[in-house]
């Protein structure tokens, strides 16, 4: 009996130490090894992170409506957020830094707000100083607002053109995604003050919102810039099956719900077609769904074998997926951290070449993927 207890302890010990943040977890992959280091597990359903320059720390959003600065192993609450409606999948969502953050200290964040008609996604802009958001203003509001708590999106990204791209879910109403007079199911393109770029694709079209850049999306919760090409990639949740990864093109229709590789959750058919003329084909799709969230290209120096790869978090899949590319095609996939840390909500690459992960749990955690140093 003593030997059995000792064996049980030996098996559990690495897991216990890892959960207490006392030890990194060593992970072996197809091409290398890494340490998964737990930075904090004191988060409640975190949604996004932004790494500040000059080792100032990491900004972390919680869906329930809190913003924190993680610095020197401490979480410091940031004051000055607007009123946020944390309903269902909505709340405080993505956060990104201005391209000149070191000079102007401006951050942008997406969140759910209430108003006439229900709830909708909005984007705020504020100056971060002394652990407070000052000069807060809303630069975009998705309209019309509607009832229900699903499919708000929303990821933010600055393209190489300097414009801000905003992903919006179709709010659970499929046909919204094909309606250019409805923000639901689209990608928005605006400047840093909320103005519409003159070369947006629908500025000359009747019965359309000029800020829409692309449409036919279901609920995109991952967007990333390919630094080598300048292309913007995004992924979105399918229904039961049919999660997609796409390359963003101005004016393009991505098909939802006219075409899909998925079905309704009750098993009924949404569309008999998975492709159609005039609709963009996904680079890759997943059946069954992995529920992708968060997305990052890797071009750092810490893991040379991963250069040019895409990393995608998986909620339902409870793993980190690595995509190997060749000429904008996925040639190989690897599943990392399967059931190791839970639902991965966000993935970011740090300026030092390490990868950061957030888990969407009541006891949500921030992890860092680090190289294994020579022993």
Protein backbone atom coordinates (compact mmCIF):
# COMPACT_ATOMS: atom_id res chain seq x y z
CA UNK A 1 0.00 0.00 0.00
CA UNK A 2 2.84 2.41 0.79
CA UNK A 3 4.35 1.78 -2.62
CA UNK A 4 1.01 2.50 -4.31
CA UNK A 5 0.64 5.77 -2.43
CA UNK A 6 4.19 6.77 -3.34
CA UNK A 7 3.52 6.00 -7.00
CA UNK A 8 0.31 8.08 -6.84
CA UNK A 9 2.23 11.01 -5.35
CA UNK A 10 4.97 10.81 -7.97
CA UNK A 11 2.39 10.90 -10.77
CA UNK A 12 0.49 13.85 -9.32
CA UNK A 13 3.41 15.95 -8.08
CA UNK A 14 4.19 17.78 -11.36
CA UNK A 15 0.52 18.67 -11.78
CA UNK A 16 0.24 19.98 -8.22
CA UNK A 17 3.34 22.12 -8.53
CA UNK A 18 2.23 23.44 -11.90
CA UNK A 19 -1.22 24.43 -10.61
CA UNK A 20 0.37 26.39 -7.78
CA UNK A 21 2.63 28.29 -10.16
CA UNK A 22 5.77 26.89 -8.53
CA UNK A 23 7.13 25.13 -11.57
CA UNK A 24 7.05 25.41 -15.32
CA UNK A 25 5.62 22.52 -17.26
CA UNK A 26 8.02 21.06 -19.83
CA UNK A 27 6.27 20.30 -23.14
CA UNK A 28 7.69 18.30 -26.04
CA UNK A 29 6.47 19.12 -29.56
CA UNK A 30 7.19 17.77 -33.02
CA UNK A 31 10.08 20.17 -33.61
CA UNK A 32 11.25 21.42 -30.22
CA UNK A 33 10.56 21.60 -26.49
CA UNK A 34 9.35 24.52 -24.40
CA UNK A 35 8.52 25.48 -20.85
CA UNK A 36 4.95 26.53 -20.11
CA UNK A 37 5.26 29.02 -17.27
CA UNK A 38 2.25 30.00 -15.18
CA UNK A 39 2.35 33.75 -14.51
CA UNK A 40 -0.96 34.14 -12.65
CA UNK A 41 -4.19 32.22 -12.15
CA UNK A 42 -6.06 35.04 -10.38
CA UNK A 43 -8.18 36.05 -13.37
CA UNK A 44 -11.91 35.62 -13.95
CA UNK A 45 -12.66 34.69 -17.57
CA UNK A 46 -9.93 36.85 -19.13
CA UNK A 47 -10.50 37.72 -22.77
CA UNK A 48 -7.52 39.56 -24.20
CA UNK A 49 -4.06 40.89 -23.45
CA UNK A 50 -1.75 43.59 -24.76
CA UNK A 51 1.95 43.69 -23.98
CA UNK A 52 3.21 47.14 -23.04
CA UNK A 53 6.65 48.30 -24.23
CA UNK A 54 9.70 48.80 -22.00
CA UNK A 55 8.68 45.99 -19.61
CA UNK A 56 5.78 48.05 -18.25
CA UNK A 57 3.67 44.93 -17.96
CA UNK A 58 0.68 43.32 -19.63
CA UNK A 59 -2.84 44.72 -19.93
CA UNK A 60 -5.49 42.04 -19.43
CA UNK A 61 -9.24 42.34 -19.96
CA UNK A 62 -11.82 40.29 -18.10
CA UNK A 63 -15.16 39.68 -19.77
CA UNK A 64 -17.03 40.73 -16.63
CA UNK A 65 -15.76 44.29 -17.15
CA UNK A 66 -12.40 44.63 -15.43
CA UNK A 67 -9.07 45.78 -16.86
CA UNK A 68 -5.80 44.91 -15.13
CA UNK A 69 -2.12 45.64 -15.48
CA UNK A 70 -0.04 42.58 -14.68
CA UNK A 71 3.36 43.84 -13.56
CA UNK A 72 6.02 42.33 -11.31
CA UNK A 73 3.72 39.38 -10.48
CA UNK A 74 0.89 41.65 -9.34
CA UNK A 75 -2.49 42.53 -10.81
CA UNK A 76 -3.29 46.24 -10.64
CA UNK A 77 -6.83 47.29 -11.55
CA UNK A 78 -7.07 50.05 -14.16
CA UNK A 79 -9.77 52.64 -13.50
CA UNK A 80 -11.78 54.72 -15.96
CA UNK A 81 -13.64 52.16 -18.07
CA UNK A 82 -17.05 53.09 -19.48
CA UNK A 83 -20.24 51.29 -18.45
CA UNK A 84 -19.95 47.71 -19.72
CA UNK A 85 -22.76 45.17 -20.09
CA UNK A 86 -21.37 41.75 -19.29
CA UNK A 87 -24.17 39.70 -20.79
CA UNK A 88 -23.62 36.18 -22.11
CA UNK A 89 -20.61 36.23 -24.45
CA UNK A 90 -20.40 40.01 -24.18
CA UNK A 91 -18.48 42.26 -21.81
CA UNK A 92 -15.01 43.75 -21.96
CA UNK A 93 -13.37 42.06 -24.93
CA UNK A 94 -10.26 42.92 -26.97
CA UNK A 95 -7.56 45.52 -26.30
CA UNK A 96 -4.76 46.86 -28.54
CA UNK A 97 -2.17 49.61 -28.34
CA UNK A 98 -1.89 52.60 -30.65
CA UNK A 99 0.98 52.38 -33.13
CA UNK A 100 2.59 55.34 -31.36
CA UNK A 101 1.75 54.18 -27.85
CA UNK A 102 5.13 55.20 -26.43
CA UNK A 103 4.38 58.76 -27.50
CA UNK A 104 0.63 59.11 -26.93
CA UNK A 105 -0.24 56.29 -24.43
CA UNK A 106 -3.49 55.54 -26.31
CA UNK A 107 -5.24 52.17 -26.07
CA UNK A 108 -8.31 50.87 -27.92
CA UNK A 109 -10.73 48.31 -26.54
CA UNK A 110 -13.97 46.64 -27.61
CA UNK A 111 -16.84 46.08 -25.22
CA UNK A 112 -20.56 45.43 -25.02
CA UNK A 113 -22.86 48.31 -24.16
CA UNK A 114 -26.60 48.56 -23.67
CA UNK A 115 -28.91 51.01 -25.40
CA UNK A 116 -32.10 51.34 -27.37
CA UNK A 117 -32.93 47.91 -28.79
CA UNK A 118 -30.67 45.90 -26.52
CA UNK A 119 -26.92 45.37 -26.70
CA UNK A 120 -24.13 45.95 -29.18
CA UNK A 121 -20.38 45.99 -29.61
CA UNK A 122 -18.58 49.31 -29.23
CA UNK A 123 -14.95 50.40 -29.44
CA UNK A 124 -13.44 52.87 -27.00
CA UNK A 125 -10.26 54.91 -27.10
CA UNK A 126 -8.45 56.29 -24.04
CA UNK A 127 -5.10 57.47 -22.69
CA UNK A 128 -3.45 55.16 -20.16
CA UNK A 129 -1.71 57.10 -17.41
CA UNK A 130 -1.05 56.25 -13.77
CA UNK A 131 -3.20 53.11 -13.87
CA UNK A 132 -6.18 55.04 -15.17
CA UNK A 133 -7.91 55.59 -18.50
CA UNK A 134 -8.31 59.27 -19.28
CA UNK A 135 -9.98 61.13 -22.17
CA UNK A 136 -12.15 58.10 -22.91
CA UNK A 137 -14.31 58.32 -26.03
CA UNK A 138 -16.30 55.83 -28.08
CA UNK A 139 -15.13 55.84 -31.70
CA UNK A 140 -17.44 53.11 -33.03
CA UNK A 141 -20.82 51.60 -32.16
CA UNK A 142 -22.31 48.61 -33.96
CA UNK A 143 -25.92 49.20 -35.00
CA UNK A 144 -28.63 48.27 -34.65
CA UNK A 145 -28.47 46.98 -31.10
CA UNK A 146 -30.39 43.79 -30.43
CA UNK A 147 -31.45 41.45 -27.64
CA UNK A 148 -29.56 38.32 -26.66
CA UNK A 149 -26.07 37.67 -25.42
CA UNK A 150 -24.25 35.87 -28.24
CA UNK A 151 -21.93 36.64 -31.15
CA UNK A 152 -20.56 40.09 -30.36
CA UNK A 153 -17.11 39.32 -31.87
CA UNK A 154 -14.84 41.18 -31.28
CA UNK A 155 -11.16 41.42 -32.11
CA UNK A 156 -9.18 44.55 -32.99
CA UNK A 157 -6.13 44.91 -35.24
CA UNK A 158 -4.15 47.70 -36.85
CA UNK A 159 -3.23 46.92 -40.44
CA UNK A 160 -0.10 48.08 -42.23
CA UNK A 161 -2.27 50.88 -43.63
CA UNK A 162 -2.67 52.28 -40.11
CA UNK A 163 -6.42 51.68 -40.04
CA UNK A 164 -8.25 49.85 -37.26
CA UNK A 165 -10.03 46.61 -38.18
CA UNK A 166 -12.91 45.43 -35.95
CA UNK A 167 -14.54 42.00 -36.16
CA UNK A 168 -18.25 41.80 -35.35
CA UNK A 169 -20.44 38.76 -34.81
CA UNK A 170 -23.86 38.54 -36.45
CA UNK A 171 -25.57 38.49 -33.02
CA UNK A 172 -27.06 35.05 -33.62
CA UNK A 173 -29.19 36.19 -36.57
CA UNK A 174 -27.72 34.54 -39.67
CA UNK A 175 -29.10 36.89 -42.30
CA UNK A 176 -27.50 39.92 -40.63
CA UNK A 177 -24.19 38.79 -42.11
CA UNK A 178 -25.45 39.33 -45.67
CA UNK A 179 -27.01 42.73 -44.97
CA UNK A 180 -24.69 45.66 -45.72
CA UNK A 181 -27.07 47.96 -43.85
CA UNK A 182 -26.39 46.00 -40.65
CA UNK A 183 -23.06 45.85 -38.85
CA UNK A 184 -23.58 42.28 -37.68
CA UNK A 185 -21.32 39.67 -39.27
CA UNK A 186 -18.86 42.15 -40.76
CA UNK A 187 -15.34 43.48 -40.42
CA UNK A 188 -15.21 47.24 -39.88
CA UNK A 189 -12.37 49.51 -41.07
CA UNK A 190 -11.99 52.99 -39.58
CA UNK A 191 -9.22 55.39 -38.64
CA UNK A 192 -8.13 56.08 -35.07
CA UNK A 193 -10.80 58.76 -34.62
CA UNK A 194 -13.63 56.64 -36.01
CA UNK A 195 -13.62 58.25 -39.47
CA UNK A 196 -14.25 56.19 -42.59
CA UNK A 197 -11.30 55.71 -45.00
CA UNK A 198 -12.20 57.03 -48.46
CA UNK A 199 -11.10 53.80 -50.14
CA UNK A 200 -13.39 51.52 -48.12
CA UNK A 201 -15.08 49.17 -50.61
CA UNK A 202 -18.74 50.16 -50.06
CA UNK A 203 -18.50 53.93 -49.81
CA UNK A 204 -20.16 54.34 -53.21
CA UNK A 205 -22.81 51.66 -52.67
CA UNK A 206 -26.43 52.40 -51.82
CA UNK A 207 -28.06 50.98 -48.68
CA UNK A 208 -24.79 50.03 -47.05
CA UNK A 209 -22.64 51.16 -44.15
CA UNK A 210 -19.48 52.80 -45.48
CA UNK A 211 -17.38 51.49 -42.59
CA UNK A 212 -17.94 47.84 -43.58
CA UNK A 213 -14.82 46.30 -45.11
CA UNK A 214 -16.00 42.69 -45.56
CA UNK A 215 -19.14 40.72 -44.71
CA UNK A 216 -20.59 37.22 -44.50
CA UNK A 217 -18.85 36.43 -41.22
CA UNK A 218 -20.47 34.48 -38.39
CA UNK A 219 -18.45 35.37 -35.28
CA UNK A 220 -14.76 36.13 -35.81
CA UNK A 221 -12.75 35.99 -32.57
CA UNK A 222 -9.24 35.84 -33.99
CA UNK A 223 -7.36 38.26 -36.23
CA UNK A 224 -3.65 38.59 -36.93
CA UNK A 225 -1.23 40.41 -39.22
CA UNK A 226 1.22 38.49 -41.36
CA UNK A 227 4.26 40.72 -40.92
CA UNK A 228 6.00 39.34 -44.01
CA UNK A 229 3.19 39.99 -46.47
CA UNK A 230 1.01 42.60 -44.77
CA UNK A 231 -2.03 40.33 -45.17
CA UNK A 232 -4.63 40.17 -42.44
CA UNK A 233 -5.85 36.71 -41.43
CA UNK A 234 -8.89 35.98 -39.32
CA UNK A 235 -10.77 32.96 -38.06
CA UNK A 236 -14.35 32.57 -37.02
CA UNK A 237 -16.66 30.19 -35.23
CA UNK A 238 -18.78 27.95 -37.39
CA UNK A 239 -22.00 26.42 -36.10
CA UNK A 240 -21.72 22.67 -35.40
CA UNK A 241 -18.61 22.22 -37.51
CA UNK A 242 -17.25 24.64 -40.06
CA UNK A 243 -14.85 26.88 -38.12
CA UNK A 244 -12.88 28.81 -40.74
CA UNK A 245 -9.56 30.57 -41.24
CA UNK A 246 -9.64 33.25 -43.94
CA UNK A 247 -7.44 35.92 -45.50
CA UNK A 248 -9.17 39.28 -45.35
CA UNK A 249 -9.99 41.07 -48.61
CA UNK A 250 -11.79 44.39 -48.98
CA UNK A 251 -15.33 44.02 -50.31
CA UNK A 252 -15.30 40.23 -50.06
CA UNK A 253 -18.22 38.06 -49.01
CA UNK A 254 -17.22 35.17 -46.73
CA UNK A 255 -20.47 33.35 -47.21
CA UNK A 256 -22.30 32.96 -43.92
CA UNK A 257 -25.00 31.59 -44.01
CA UNK A 258 -25.20 31.02 -47.78
CA UNK A 259 -22.39 28.49 -47.64
CA UNK A 260 -20.97 26.60 -44.68
CA UNK A 261 -19.17 23.39 -43.78
CA UNK A 262 -21.28 23.12 -40.63
CA UNK A 263 -24.83 22.30 -39.59
CA UNK A 264 -27.23 23.59 -36.94
CA UNK A 265 -26.76 22.36 -33.39
CA UNK A 266 -29.99 20.37 -33.71
CA UNK A 267 -28.58 18.58 -36.77
CA UNK A 268 -30.66 20.44 -39.37
CA UNK A 269 -29.10 21.75 -42.59
CA UNK A 270 -28.15 25.42 -42.87
CA UNK A 271 -26.99 25.32 -46.48
CA UNK A 272 -26.58 22.55 -49.02
CA UNK A 273 -23.49 24.31 -50.39
CA UNK A 274 -19.99 24.65 -49.01
CA UNK A 275 -18.85 26.89 -51.86
CA UNK A 276 -20.37 29.32 -54.29
CA UNK A 277 -19.17 31.63 -57.03
CA UNK A 278 -18.34 35.07 -55.68
CA UNK A 279 -17.77 33.85 -52.12
CA UNK A 280 -14.31 33.56 -50.59
CA UNK A 281 -13.08 30.05 -49.83
CA UNK A 282 -11.49 29.50 -46.41
CA UNK A 283 -7.80 28.68 -46.21
CA UNK A 284 -8.75 25.86 -43.87
CA UNK A 285 -11.86 24.73 -41.99
CA UNK A 286 -12.43 22.41 -39.05
CA UNK A 287 -15.09 19.74 -38.67
CA UNK A 288 -15.78 19.06 -35.85
CA UNK A 289 -15.42 22.57 -34.45
CA UNK A 290 -12.55 23.50 -32.18
CA UNK A 291 -14.14 26.89 -31.28
CA UNK A 292 -11.12 29.05 -32.19
CA UNK A 293 -10.30 32.19 -30.22
CA UNK A 294 -7.16 34.28 -30.37
CA UNK A 295 -4.60 34.12 -33.17
CA UNK A 296 -0.97 35.09 -33.67
CA UNK A 297 1.74 34.75 -36.30
CA UNK A 298 5.14 33.83 -34.94
CA UNK A 299 8.25 35.59 -36.24
CA UNK A 300 10.32 35.67 -33.04
CA UNK A 301 13.82 34.34 -32.45
CA UNK A 302 13.18 32.18 -29.38
CA UNK A 303 11.71 29.33 -31.45
CA UNK A 304 13.32 29.38 -34.93
CA UNK A 305 11.48 26.22 -36.01
CA UNK A 306 8.16 28.03 -35.58
CA UNK A 307 8.91 31.07 -37.72
CA UNK A 308 6.03 31.88 -40.05
CA UNK A 309 3.63 29.56 -38.19
CA UNK A 310 0.18 30.60 -36.96
CA UNK A 311 -0.98 29.80 -33.43
CA UNK A 312 -4.70 29.51 -32.69
CA UNK A 313 -6.35 29.03 -29.31
CA UNK A 314 -9.17 26.50 -29.03
CA UNK A 315 -12.03 26.80 -26.54
CA UNK A 316 -14.05 23.63 -27.11
CA UNK A 317 -10.91 21.89 -28.32
CA UNK A 318 -9.02 22.94 -25.16
CA UNK A 319 -5.69 23.16 -26.93
CA UNK A 320 -3.27 25.39 -28.85
CA UNK A 321 -3.11 24.64 -32.57
CA UNK A 322 0.00 25.31 -34.67
CA UNK A 323 -0.49 25.85 -38.40
CA UNK A 324 2.42 25.51 -40.81
CA UNK A 325 2.08 27.62 -43.96
CA UNK A 326 3.44 27.53 -47.48
CA UNK A 327 2.25 30.17 -49.96
CA UNK A 328 -0.86 30.91 -47.89
CA UNK A 329 -1.80 27.25 -47.63
CA UNK A 330 -1.83 25.19 -44.44
CA UNK A 331 0.48 22.26 -45.05
CA UNK A 332 0.56 20.82 -41.53
CA UNK A 333 -1.17 21.15 -38.16
CA UNK A 334 0.01 20.26 -34.67
CA UNK A 335 -2.12 20.14 -31.53
CA UNK A 336 -0.30 21.42 -28.43
CA UNK A 337 -1.33 21.48 -24.75
CA UNK A 338 -4.35 19.24 -25.34
CA UNK A 339 -6.40 19.33 -22.11
CA UNK A 340 -3.38 20.69 -20.23
CA UNK A 341 -4.61 24.16 -19.26
CA UNK A 342 -8.25 24.41 -20.38
CA UNK A 343 -10.05 26.70 -22.82
CA UNK A 344 -7.53 28.96 -24.55
CA UNK A 345 -9.10 32.36 -25.21
CA UNK A 346 -6.21 34.50 -26.47
CA UNK A 347 -2.77 34.02 -28.03
CA UNK A 348 -0.17 36.78 -28.42
CA UNK A 349 3.49 36.94 -29.40
CA UNK A 350 5.65 39.15 -27.20
CA UNK A 351 8.35 41.47 -28.55
CA UNK A 352 10.96 39.27 -26.88
CA UNK A 353 9.81 36.27 -28.93
CA UNK A 354 7.81 34.38 -26.33
CA UNK A 355 4.14 33.41 -26.65
CA UNK A 356 1.45 34.37 -24.14
CA UNK A 357 -1.82 32.52 -23.54
CA UNK A 358 -5.01 33.31 -21.61
CA UNK A 359 -7.46 30.65 -20.44
CA UNK A 360 -11.19 31.30 -20.35
CA UNK A 361 -11.98 29.90 -16.94
CA UNK A 362 -13.46 31.15 -13.67
CA UNK A 363 -9.92 30.76 -12.36
CA UNK A 364 -8.43 31.98 -15.61
CA UNK A 365 -4.69 32.04 -16.06
CA UNK A 366 -1.94 33.84 -17.94
CA UNK A 367 0.82 31.59 -19.29
CA UNK A 368 4.06 32.23 -21.13
CA UNK A 369 5.71 29.79 -23.52
CA UNK A 370 9.45 30.04 -22.93
CA UNK A 371 12.49 28.32 -24.44
CA UNK A 372 14.28 25.71 -22.36
CA UNK A 373 17.62 27.10 -21.26
CA UNK A 374 20.75 24.98 -21.45
CA UNK A 375 21.14 23.03 -18.24
